[in-house]
Amino acid sequence: MNGMQLNSPVLITGASHGLGQATAELLASQSVPLALCARNPAPLHEFAAKLRAEYDVQVASRALDVNDGELLVDFVHEAGRRLGDLGGVVANVGGARGRSLTDTEPDDWAYTLNVNVVNAMTALKAALPQLRRRGGAAVLVSSISGSKPSPGLAYGATKAALNHAATILGRELGPTGVRVNAVAPGSMLIPDRNWDRMRVADPGRYEAFLEEFPAKELVDPKDVAEVIAFLLSDKARAVNGAVVPVDGGQNAPSAYGY
């Protein structure tokens, strides 16, 4: 079974910050052409221009909401036309609404399922003909919350669904030459995001949260990006249908309980 060749284009959703940005920069440094999408146009296009300038790599970018399936499918097709057949897809977008059972309404469930599972399947389905021609691979970005309970019922349940989808798709698509895996990051320290804000606003709680990690530090998105790049590559040709934890041995997924 083949894996992504170094020059095969890769599409990344949620690419303007955090893990998506770290993954894009790592792949760009390896001369991989990229198709990047995110909701906010200004940081996305600025980042795409930075990659072109620093790494002399092809980058197609479009601002879109992945919950709009038609726009997402259109961008997948555009990426193939502009860059050549995709060899990799990184479904990185995630999110949640609601928290406990009593706080989560049907609309919250629908939104969370769509943002964590449906858009990933939409992107993968649209890219599948290209991936088959390349003998490519997809990586679904899940979470430690998909296997370790934490507050946020809909988030954890839908990330568990994404994990199972990866194992099913590994078997379903493997015979066609396409590998599918998931990564399950632990809590990542991303500038101006949840845990970084806690670090500044409530250092005592943040320090207590670090005790959940054997190394007493949160996960660096760059380390998760390295695993994603490996799973996309030919070096991972024997890895299929797997859910790979990248959590530093983290115990509880949240500083807010469980």
Protein backbone atom coordinates (compact mmCIF):
# COMPACT_ATOMS: atom_id res chain seq x y z
CA MET A 1 0.00 0.00 0.00
CA ASN A 2 1.45 3.34 -1.01
CA GLY A 3 1.53 6.50 1.08
CA MET A 4 1.75 10.14 0.20
CA GLN A 5 4.74 11.04 -1.91
CA LEU A 6 6.66 14.15 -0.93
CA ASN A 7 5.26 16.23 -3.79
CA SER A 8 1.61 15.18 -3.41
CA PRO A 9 -0.68 18.09 -2.45
CA VAL A 10 -2.38 18.02 0.94
CA LEU A 11 -5.63 19.72 1.93
CA ILE A 12 -5.95 20.96 5.52
CA THR A 13 -9.13 22.34 7.06
CA GLY A 14 -8.93 24.79 9.94
CA ALA A 15 -5.50 25.84 8.72
CA SER A 16 -5.15 29.42 9.96
CA HIS A 17 -4.13 28.75 13.56
CA GLY A 18 -3.12 26.12 16.08
CA LEU A 19 -2.64 22.55 14.91
CA GLY A 20 -3.75 23.24 11.34
CA GLN A 21 -1.19 26.01 11.03
CA ALA A 22 1.57 23.92 12.59
CA THR A 23 0.83 21.05 10.20
CA ALA A 24 0.76 23.31 7.17
CA GLU A 25 4.08 24.92 8.08
CA LEU A 26 5.75 21.56 8.64
CA LEU A 27 4.54 20.22 5.28
CA ALA A 28 5.47 23.44 3.50
CA SER A 29 8.99 23.09 4.89
CA GLN A 30 9.08 19.71 3.11
CA SER A 31 7.97 21.31 -0.20
CA VAL A 32 4.47 19.81 -0.08
CA PRO A 33 1.88 21.82 -2.08
CA LEU A 34 -1.02 22.84 0.15
CA ALA A 35 -4.73 23.62 -0.06
CA LEU A 36 -5.76 25.50 3.07
CA CYS A 37 -9.17 26.61 4.27
CA ALA A 38 -10.47 28.37 7.36
CA ARG A 39 -13.34 30.68 8.25
CA ASN A 40 -11.45 33.93 8.81
CA PRO A 41 -10.00 35.22 5.54
CA ALA A 42 -7.41 37.70 6.84
CA PRO A 43 -5.21 35.35 8.91
CA LEU A 44 -5.67 32.52 6.41
CA HIS A 45 -4.49 34.46 3.38
CA GLU A 46 -1.72 36.14 5.36
CA PHE A 47 -0.47 32.72 6.48
CA ALA A 48 -0.71 31.32 2.95
CA ALA A 49 1.36 34.24 1.63
CA LYS A 50 3.93 33.65 4.37
CA LEU A 51 4.31 29.99 3.35
CA ARG A 52 4.73 30.90 -0.31
CA ALA A 53 7.38 33.48 0.52
CA GLU A 54 9.35 31.43 3.04
CA TYR A 55 9.20 27.99 1.44
CA ASP A 56 8.58 28.72 -2.25
CA VAL A 57 5.69 26.26 -2.21
CA GLN A 58 2.32 26.26 -3.99
CA VAL A 59 -0.52 27.20 -1.65
CA ALA A 60 -4.20 27.47 -2.58
CA SER A 61 -6.33 29.09 0.12
CA ARG A 62 -10.00 29.84 0.52
CA ALA A 63 -12.00 31.27 3.39
CA LEU A 64 -15.05 29.10 4.03
CA ASP A 65 -17.10 27.49 6.76
CA VAL A 66 -16.67 23.71 6.51
CA ASN A 67 -20.22 23.30 7.77
CA ASP A 68 -21.29 24.50 4.32
CA GLY A 69 -20.78 21.20 2.55
CA GLU A 70 -21.18 22.61 -0.97
CA LEU A 71 -18.41 25.16 -0.43
CA LEU A 72 -16.14 22.52 1.08
CA VAL A 73 -16.66 20.09 -1.81
CA ASP A 74 -16.08 22.87 -4.32
CA PHE A 75 -12.77 23.76 -2.65
CA VAL A 76 -11.64 20.12 -2.68
CA HIS A 77 -12.28 20.00 -6.42
CA GLU A 78 -10.62 23.38 -6.98
CA ALA A 79 -7.55 22.21 -5.07
CA GLY A 80 -7.22 19.22 -7.37
CA ARG A 81 -7.49 21.40 -10.45
CA ARG A 82 -4.95 23.96 -9.22
CA LEU A 83 -2.40 21.71 -7.54
CA GLY A 84 -2.96 18.29 -9.09
CA ASP A 85 -4.62 15.33 -7.41
CA LEU A 86 -4.57 15.50 -3.63
CA GLY A 87 -2.39 12.92 -1.92
CA GLY A 88 -3.53 13.78 1.58
CA VAL A 89 -6.43 15.25 3.56
CA VAL A 90 -6.17 16.51 7.12
CA ALA A 91 -9.65 17.03 8.61
CA ASN A 92 -8.68 19.35 11.43
CA VAL A 93 -11.77 21.42 12.20
CA GLY A 94 -13.54 20.69 15.47
CA GLY A 95 -15.71 22.31 18.09
CA ALA A 96 -18.70 21.89 20.34
CA ARG A 97 -21.85 23.39 21.73
CA GLY A 98 -23.48 22.36 24.97
CA ARG A 99 -21.86 20.77 27.98
CA SER A 100 -23.78 18.46 30.31
CA LEU A 101 -26.81 16.43 29.23
CA THR A 102 -29.23 18.95 30.71
CA ASP A 103 -27.40 21.86 29.07
CA THR A 104 -27.25 20.32 25.58
CA GLU A 105 -30.16 20.87 23.20
CA PRO A 106 -30.86 19.01 19.94
CA ASP A 107 -29.42 21.91 17.93
CA ASP A 108 -26.21 21.64 19.97
CA TRP A 109 -25.97 17.95 19.15
CA ALA A 110 -26.54 18.61 15.45
CA TYR A 111 -23.92 21.36 15.33
CA THR A 112 -21.31 19.34 17.22
CA LEU A 113 -21.84 16.23 15.11
CA ASN A 114 -21.55 18.28 11.94
CA VAL A 115 -18.40 20.16 12.91
CA ASN A 116 -16.57 17.12 14.31
CA VAL A 117 -17.70 14.31 12.01
CA VAL A 118 -19.84 15.28 9.03
CA ASN A 119 -17.50 17.88 7.52
CA ALA A 120 -14.58 15.45 7.79
CA MET A 121 -16.57 12.81 5.91
CA THR A 122 -17.66 15.39 3.34
CA ALA A 123 -14.07 16.43 2.62
CA LEU A 124 -12.84 12.85 2.46
CA LYS A 125 -15.64 11.71 0.17
CA ALA A 126 -15.04 14.63 -2.20
CA ALA A 127 -11.29 13.96 -2.27
CA LEU A 128 -11.57 10.19 -2.59
CA PRO A 129 -11.15 9.92 -6.38
CA GLN A 130 -8.00 12.04 -6.15
CA LEU A 131 -6.66 10.07 -3.19
CA ARG A 132 -7.27 6.78 -4.99
CA ARG A 133 -5.28 7.95 -7.99
CA ARG A 134 -2.43 9.01 -5.72
CA GLY A 135 -2.57 6.09 -3.31
CA GLY A 136 -3.02 8.74 -0.64
CA ALA A 137 -4.00 9.04 2.99
CA ALA A 138 -6.31 10.96 5.29
CA VAL A 139 -5.83 11.98 8.90
CA LEU A 140 -8.86 12.80 11.04
CA VAL A 141 -8.05 15.05 13.99
CA SER A 142 -9.85 13.66 17.01
CA SER A 143 -9.17 14.28 20.70
CA ILE A 144 -8.25 12.62 23.97
CA SER A 145 -11.89 13.34 24.87
CA GLY A 146 -12.96 10.65 22.41
CA SER A 147 -11.61 7.96 24.74
CA LYS A 148 -11.27 9.59 28.18
CA PRO A 149 -14.40 11.12 29.73
CA SER A 150 -14.54 14.83 30.40
CA PRO A 151 -17.20 17.52 30.71
CA GLY A 152 -18.63 18.23 27.29
CA LEU A 153 -20.90 15.32 26.45
CA ALA A 154 -21.51 16.09 22.78
CA TYR A 155 -17.85 16.86 22.09
CA GLY A 156 -16.57 13.62 23.61
CA ALA A 157 -19.28 11.50 22.01
CA THR A 158 -18.68 12.91 18.53
CA LYS A 159 -14.90 12.58 18.82
CA ALA A 160 -15.46 8.93 19.79
CA ALA A 161 -17.56 8.61 16.63
CA LEU A 162 -14.70 10.11 14.61
CA ASN A 163 -12.29 7.56 16.10
CA HIS A 164 -14.57 4.72 15.08
CA ALA A 165 -15.02 6.21 11.63
CA ALA A 166 -11.25 6.10 11.15
CA THR A 167 -11.12 2.40 12.03
CA ILE A 168 -14.04 1.60 9.72
CA LEU A 169 -12.67 3.66 6.84
CA GLY A 170 -9.27 2.06 7.18
CA ARG A 171 -10.90 -1.25 6.31
CA GLU A 172 -13.34 0.15 3.77
CA LEU A 173 -10.83 2.18 1.76
CA GLY A 174 -7.67 0.19 2.34
CA PRO A 175 -8.31 -2.16 -0.59
CA THR A 176 -8.47 0.90 -2.88
CA GLY A 177 -5.02 2.07 -1.77
CA VAL A 178 -6.22 4.83 0.56
CA ARG A 179 -5.27 4.81 4.24
CA VAL A 180 -7.30 6.55 6.96
CA ASN A 181 -6.08 7.19 10.49
CA ALA A 182 -6.91 9.52 13.34
CA VAL A 183 -4.76 11.42 15.79
CA ALA A 184 -6.07 12.07 19.29
CA PRO A 185 -4.22 15.07 20.72
CA GLY A 186 -4.22 15.91 24.38
CA SER A 187 -4.72 19.46 25.60
CA MET A 188 -2.57 21.68 23.39
CA LEU A 189 -1.04 25.00 24.37
CA ILE A 190 -2.08 27.33 21.54
CA PRO A 191 -1.58 31.10 21.78
CA ASP A 192 -4.73 32.95 22.88
CA ARG A 193 -6.77 29.76 23.14
CA ASN A 194 -8.42 28.05 26.09
CA TRP A 195 -5.44 26.79 28.07
CA ASP A 196 -3.23 29.76 27.20
CA ARG A 197 -5.93 32.09 28.49
CA MET A 198 -6.18 30.04 31.68
CA ARG A 199 -2.41 30.22 32.08
CA VAL A 200 -2.65 34.01 32.14
CA ALA A 201 -5.96 34.50 33.96
CA ASP A 202 -5.81 31.66 36.51
CA PRO A 203 -2.21 30.47 36.91
CA GLY A 204 -3.06 28.41 40.00
CA ARG A 205 -5.61 26.29 38.16
CA TYR A 206 -3.27 26.05 35.18
CA GLU A 207 -0.42 24.75 37.33
CA ALA A 208 -2.79 22.22 38.90
CA PHE A 209 -3.86 21.09 35.43
CA LEU A 210 -0.22 20.46 34.50
CA GLU A 211 -0.21 17.70 37.12
CA GLU A 212 -2.33 15.64 34.70
CA PHE A 213 0.77 15.40 32.46
CA PRO A 214 3.76 13.24 33.45
CA ALA A 215 6.12 15.81 31.89
CA LYS A 216 4.20 18.69 33.53
CA GLU A 217 3.58 20.45 30.23
CA LEU A 218 0.76 20.62 27.72
CA VAL A 219 1.04 19.21 24.23
CA ASP A 220 2.84 21.33 21.63
CA PRO A 221 0.88 21.46 18.33
CA LYS A 222 4.18 21.03 16.48
CA ASP A 223 4.57 17.58 18.02
CA VAL A 224 1.10 16.57 16.84
CA ALA A 225 1.91 17.94 13.39
CA GLU A 226 4.93 15.63 13.21
CA VAL A 227 2.67 12.63 13.80
CA ILE A 228 0.20 13.82 11.18
CA ALA A 229 3.00 14.24 8.64
CA PHE A 230 4.21 10.73 9.43
CA LEU A 231 0.74 9.24 8.98
CA LEU A 232 0.41 10.95 5.61
CA SER A 233 3.78 9.70 4.44
CA ASP A 234 4.92 6.48 2.82
CA LYS A 235 6.76 5.65 6.04
CA ALA A 236 3.36 4.90 7.59
CA ARG A 237 2.22 2.54 4.83
CA ALA A 238 1.54 -0.21 7.40
CA VAL A 239 -0.52 2.11 9.64
CA ASN A 240 -4.20 2.08 8.72
CA GLY A 241 -7.42 2.40 10.69
CA ALA A 242 -5.49 3.49 13.77
CA VAL A 243 -6.22 6.13 16.40
CA VAL A 244 -2.87 7.50 17.53
CA PRO A 245 -2.82 9.33 20.89
CA VAL A 246 -0.51 12.33 21.09
CA ASP A 247 -1.29 13.43 24.62
CA GLY A 248 1.93 13.23 26.61
CA GLY A 249 0.34 10.55 28.79
CA GLN A 250 -2.31 13.01 29.92
CA ASN A 251 -4.76 11.63 32.46
CA ALA A 252 -7.92 13.77 32.54
CA PRO A 253 -8.73 15.71 29.36
CA SER A 254 -9.97 18.79 31.19
CA ALA A 255 -9.09 21.09 34.05
CA TYR A 256 -12.79 21.41 34.82
CA GLY A 257 -13.54 17.99 36.25
CA TYR A 258 -13.43 14.18 35.82
